[in-house]
Amino acid sequence: MRLKVKPEKGFGKIEVEIDDDLWETIKRMGEKYGRSPEHILKIILEGKFREPCDEYESLKGKIQELEKEVWELEKKWAPLRYKAYGVGEDNKILAIELSGLMAENSQLKRFLRKKAKQDLELRKLVSYYIQ
């Protein structure tokens, strides 16, 4: 592949022949780091590389330790999450039953010609658990 490098100001330009394998590697690096291949080439040509810090291995070890801690916490959290789901589903079933009983109660009051009062707080609570 032929690469043309043009300056931002002025006239000169440089033409360079790049191997296709090298160009594919540059494209993969661009995809990996979320940059354009042109930006990667600019970094390569200017030599503005970031040197890895000396603490790389120690940081890698810390990351592995933290991952182990996360998995331990996940082991403890998963059963609690499952139980919470079960309790939520039980609440939903009870709210549906309570809604039916409330409707039946209001029907009986109408049948007996008694005054039926609306309990808005209870209805809000039932609608919350049904959702």
C-alpha atoms as a PDB file:
ATOM      1  CA  MET A   1       0.000   0.000   0.000  1.00  0.00           C
ATOM      2  CA  ARG A   2       1.242   3.466  -0.828  1.00  0.00           C
ATOM      3  CA  LEU A   3       0.943   6.035   1.968  1.00  0.00           C
ATOM      4  CA  LYS A   4       1.087   9.760   1.342  1.00  0.00           C
ATOM      5  CA  VAL A   5       1.959  12.005   4.268  1.00  0.00           C
ATOM      6  CA  LYS A   6       1.066  15.661   3.717  1.00  0.00           C
ATOM      7  CA  PRO A   7       2.047  18.436   6.109  1.00  0.00           C
ATOM      8  CA  GLU A   8      -0.654  20.590   7.660  1.00  0.00           C
ATOM      9  CA  LYS A   9       1.029  23.695   6.228  1.00  0.00           C
ATOM     10  CA  GLY A  10       3.271  24.054   3.270  1.00  0.00           C
ATOM     11  CA  PHE A  11       3.833  22.028   0.151  1.00  0.00           C
ATOM     12  CA  GLY A  12       6.052  18.990   0.714  1.00  0.00           C
ATOM     13  CA  LYS A  13       4.645  15.495   0.903  1.00  0.00           C
ATOM     14  CA  ILE A  14       6.215  12.109   1.492  1.00  0.00           C
ATOM     15  CA  GLU A  15       5.199   8.882  -0.199  1.00  0.00           C
ATOM     16  CA  VAL A  16       5.991   5.611   1.548  1.00  0.00           C
ATOM     17  CA  GLU A  17       5.284   2.029   0.536  1.00  0.00           C
ATOM     18  CA  ILE A  18       3.773   0.020   3.442  1.00  0.00           C
ATOM     19  CA  ASP A  19       3.496  -3.749   3.552  1.00  0.00           C
ATOM     20  CA  ASP A  20      -0.120  -5.016   3.582  1.00  0.00           C
ATOM     21  CA  ASP A  21       0.507  -7.077   6.728  1.00  0.00           C
ATOM     22  CA  LEU A  22       1.766  -3.978   8.523  1.00  0.00           C
ATOM     23  CA  TRP A  23      -1.268  -1.998   7.381  1.00  0.00           C
ATOM     24  CA  GLU A  24      -3.612  -4.733   8.679  1.00  0.00           C
ATOM     25  CA  THR A  25      -1.786  -4.656  12.026  1.00  0.00           C
ATOM     26  CA  ILE A  26      -2.186  -0.872  12.190  1.00  0.00           C
ATOM     27  CA  LYS A  27      -5.903  -1.183  11.382  1.00  0.00           C
ATOM     28  CA  ARG A  28      -6.352  -3.802  14.130  1.00  0.00           C
ATOM     29  CA  MET A  29      -4.571  -1.533  16.611  1.00  0.00           C
ATOM     30  CA  GLY A  30      -6.857   1.321  15.593  1.00  0.00           C
ATOM     31  CA  GLU A  31      -9.933  -0.837  16.180  1.00  0.00           C
ATOM     32  CA  LYS A  32      -8.559  -2.092  19.488  1.00  0.00           C
ATOM     33  CA  TYR A  33      -7.885   1.385  20.862  1.00  0.00           C
ATOM     34  CA  GLY A  34     -10.783   3.150  19.153  1.00  0.00           C
ATOM     35  CA  ARG A  35      -8.629   5.356  16.925  1.00  0.00           C
ATOM     36  CA  SER A  36      -8.291   5.779  13.209  1.00  0.00           C
ATOM     37  CA  PRO A  37      -5.403   4.059  11.406  1.00  0.00           C
ATOM     38  CA  GLU A  38      -4.143   7.514  10.404  1.00  0.00           C
ATOM     39  CA  HIS A  39      -3.906   8.518  14.067  1.00  0.00           C
ATOM     40  CA  ILE A  40      -1.971   5.317  14.850  1.00  0.00           C
ATOM     41  CA  LEU A  41       0.423   6.058  11.977  1.00  0.00           C
ATOM     42  CA  LYS A  42       0.897   9.609  13.249  1.00  0.00           C
ATOM     43  CA  ILE A  43       1.853   8.283  16.685  1.00  0.00           C
ATOM     44  CA  ILE A  44       4.261   5.781  15.117  1.00  0.00           C
ATOM     45  CA  LEU A  45       5.917   8.387  12.909  1.00  0.00           C
ATOM     46  CA  GLU A  46       6.223  10.978  15.678  1.00  0.00           C
ATOM     47  CA  GLY A  47       7.464   8.392  18.168  1.00  0.00           C
ATOM     48  CA  LYS A  48       5.039   9.453  20.886  1.00  0.00           C
ATOM     49  CA  PHE A  49       4.695   6.053  22.490  1.00  0.00           C
ATOM     50  CA  ARG A  50       3.636   5.609  26.068  1.00  0.00           C
ATOM     51  CA  GLU A  51       6.073   3.493  27.964  1.00  0.00           C
ATOM     52  CA  PRO A  52       4.451   0.923  30.245  1.00  0.00           C
ATOM     53  CA  CYS A  53       4.932   1.777  33.890  1.00  0.00           C
ATOM     54  CA  ASP A  54       7.253  -0.284  36.081  1.00  0.00           C
ATOM     55  CA  GLU A  55       4.388  -1.318  38.318  1.00  0.00           C
ATOM     56  CA  TYR A  56       2.598  -3.188  35.525  1.00  0.00           C
ATOM     57  CA  GLU A  57       3.090  -6.647  37.029  1.00  0.00           C
ATOM     58  CA  SER A  58       2.090  -5.547  40.537  1.00  0.00           C
ATOM     59  CA  LEU A  59      -1.006  -3.820  39.148  1.00  0.00           C
ATOM     60  CA  LYS A  60      -1.861  -6.944  37.191  1.00  0.00           C
ATOM     61  CA  GLY A  61      -1.593  -8.978  40.406  1.00  0.00           C
ATOM     62  CA  LYS A  62      -3.851  -6.517  42.242  1.00  0.00           C
ATOM     63  CA  ILE A  63      -6.405  -6.764  39.458  1.00  0.00           C
ATOM     64  CA  GLN A  64      -6.446 -10.548  39.757  1.00  0.00           C
ATOM     65  CA  GLU A  65      -6.901 -10.297  43.532  1.00  0.00           C
ATOM     66  CA  LEU A  66      -9.780  -7.870  43.084  1.00  0.00           C
ATOM     67  CA  GLU A  67     -11.392 -10.182  40.532  1.00  0.00           C
ATOM     68  CA  LYS A  68     -11.219 -13.025  43.068  1.00  0.00           C
ATOM     69  CA  GLU A  69     -12.876 -10.806  45.679  1.00  0.00           C
ATOM     70  CA  VAL A  70     -15.594  -9.853  43.210  1.00  0.00           C
ATOM     71  CA  TRP A  71     -16.337 -13.512  42.494  1.00  0.00           C
ATOM     72  CA  GLU A  72     -16.474 -14.277  46.225  1.00  0.00           C
ATOM     73  CA  LEU A  73     -18.956 -11.443  46.707  1.00  0.00           C
ATOM     74  CA  GLU A  74     -20.954 -12.652  43.709  1.00  0.00           C
ATOM     75  CA  LYS A  75     -21.177 -16.110  45.291  1.00  0.00           C
ATOM     76  CA  LYS A  76     -22.678 -14.531  48.399  1.00  0.00           C
ATOM     77  CA  TRP A  77     -24.925 -12.144  46.469  1.00  0.00           C
ATOM     78  CA  ALA A  78     -26.471 -14.642  44.019  1.00  0.00           C
ATOM     79  CA  PRO A  79     -28.533 -16.604  46.593  1.00  0.00           C
ATOM     80  CA  LEU A  80     -29.764 -13.373  48.157  1.00  0.00           C
ATOM     81  CA  ARG A  81     -30.811 -12.078  44.763  1.00  0.00           C
ATOM     82  CA  TYR A  82     -32.647 -15.356  44.073  1.00  0.00           C
ATOM     83  CA  LYS A  83     -34.454 -15.185  47.424  1.00  0.00           C
ATOM     84  CA  ALA A  84     -35.394 -11.541  46.810  1.00  0.00           C
ATOM     85  CA  TYR A  85     -36.845 -12.514  43.445  1.00  0.00           C
ATOM     86  CA  GLY A  86     -38.901 -15.245  45.116  1.00  0.00           C
ATOM     87  CA  VAL A  87     -40.191 -12.842  47.768  1.00  0.00           C
ATOM     88  CA  GLY A  88     -41.080 -10.328  45.060  1.00  0.00           C
ATOM     89  CA  GLU A  89     -43.051 -12.940  43.147  1.00  0.00           C
ATOM     90  CA  ASP A  90     -44.834 -13.999  46.362  1.00  0.00           C
ATOM     91  CA  ASN A  91     -45.737 -10.360  47.010  1.00  0.00           C
ATOM     92  CA  LYS A  92     -47.107 -10.102  43.490  1.00  0.00           C
ATOM     93  CA  ILE A  93     -49.330 -13.164  43.996  1.00  0.00           C
ATOM     94  CA  LEU A  94     -50.560 -11.871  47.354  1.00  0.00           C
ATOM     95  CA  ALA A  95     -51.308  -8.457  45.823  1.00  0.00           C
ATOM     96  CA  ILE A  96     -53.396 -10.122  43.098  1.00  0.00           C
ATOM     97  CA  GLU A  97     -55.310 -12.139  45.709  1.00  0.00           C
ATOM     98  CA  LEU A  98     -55.819  -9.026  47.844  1.00  0.00           C
ATOM     99  CA  SER A  99     -57.125  -7.131  44.822  1.00  0.00           C
ATOM    100  CA  GLY A 100     -59.636  -9.901  44.179  1.00  0.00           C
ATOM    101  CA  LEU A 101     -60.739  -9.922  47.817  1.00  0.00           C
ATOM    102  CA  MET A 102     -61.151  -6.142  47.778  1.00  0.00           C
ATOM    103  CA  ALA A 103     -63.338  -6.386  44.677  1.00  0.00           C
ATOM    104  CA  GLU A 104     -65.385  -9.170  46.278  1.00  0.00           C
ATOM    105  CA  ASN A 105     -65.765  -7.109  49.455  1.00  0.00           C
ATOM    106  CA  SER A 106     -67.035  -4.091  47.530  1.00  0.00           C
ATOM    107  CA  GLN A 107     -69.517  -6.345  45.662  1.00  0.00           C
ATOM    108  CA  LEU A 108     -70.821  -7.731  48.959  1.00  0.00           C
ATOM    109  CA  LYS A 109     -71.213  -4.224  50.377  1.00  0.00           C
ATOM    110  CA  ARG A 110     -73.189  -3.203  47.311  1.00  0.00           C
ATOM    111  CA  PHE A 111     -75.340  -6.321  47.633  1.00  0.00           C
ATOM    112  CA  LEU A 112     -76.046  -5.498  51.270  1.00  0.00           C
ATOM    113  CA  ARG A 113     -76.632  -1.862  50.322  1.00  0.00           C
ATOM    114  CA  LYS A 114     -73.928  -0.607  52.621  1.00  0.00           C
ATOM    115  CA  LYS A 115     -71.647   2.318  51.934  1.00  0.00           C
ATOM    116  CA  ALA A 116     -68.414   1.158  50.258  1.00  0.00           C
ATOM    117  CA  LYS A 117     -65.429   3.362  51.040  1.00  0.00           C
ATOM    118  CA  GLN A 118     -62.486   3.685  48.685  1.00  0.00           C
ATOM    119  CA  ASP A 119     -59.124   2.935  50.298  1.00  0.00           C
ATOM    120  CA  LEU A 120     -56.745   4.712  47.911  1.00  0.00           C
ATOM    121  CA  GLU A 121     -53.564   3.938  49.864  1.00  0.00           C
ATOM    122  CA  LEU A 122     -54.305   0.227  49.825  1.00  0.00           C
ATOM    123  CA  ARG A 123     -55.049   0.333  46.091  1.00  0.00           C
ATOM    124  CA  LYS A 124     -51.750   2.155  45.420  1.00  0.00           C
ATOM    125  CA  LEU A 125     -49.917  -0.463  47.451  1.00  0.00           C
ATOM    126  CA  VAL A 126     -51.601  -3.297  45.570  1.00  0.00           C
ATOM    127  CA  SER A 127     -50.851  -1.718  42.172  1.00  0.00           C
ATOM    128  CA  TYR A 128     -47.187  -1.266  43.232  1.00  0.00           C
ATOM    129  CA  TYR A 129     -46.791  -4.972  44.031  1.00  0.00           C
ATOM    130  CA  ILE A 130     -48.667  -6.117  40.940  1.00  0.00           C
ATOM    131  CA  GLN A 131     -46.235  -4.277  38.663  1.00  0.00           C
END
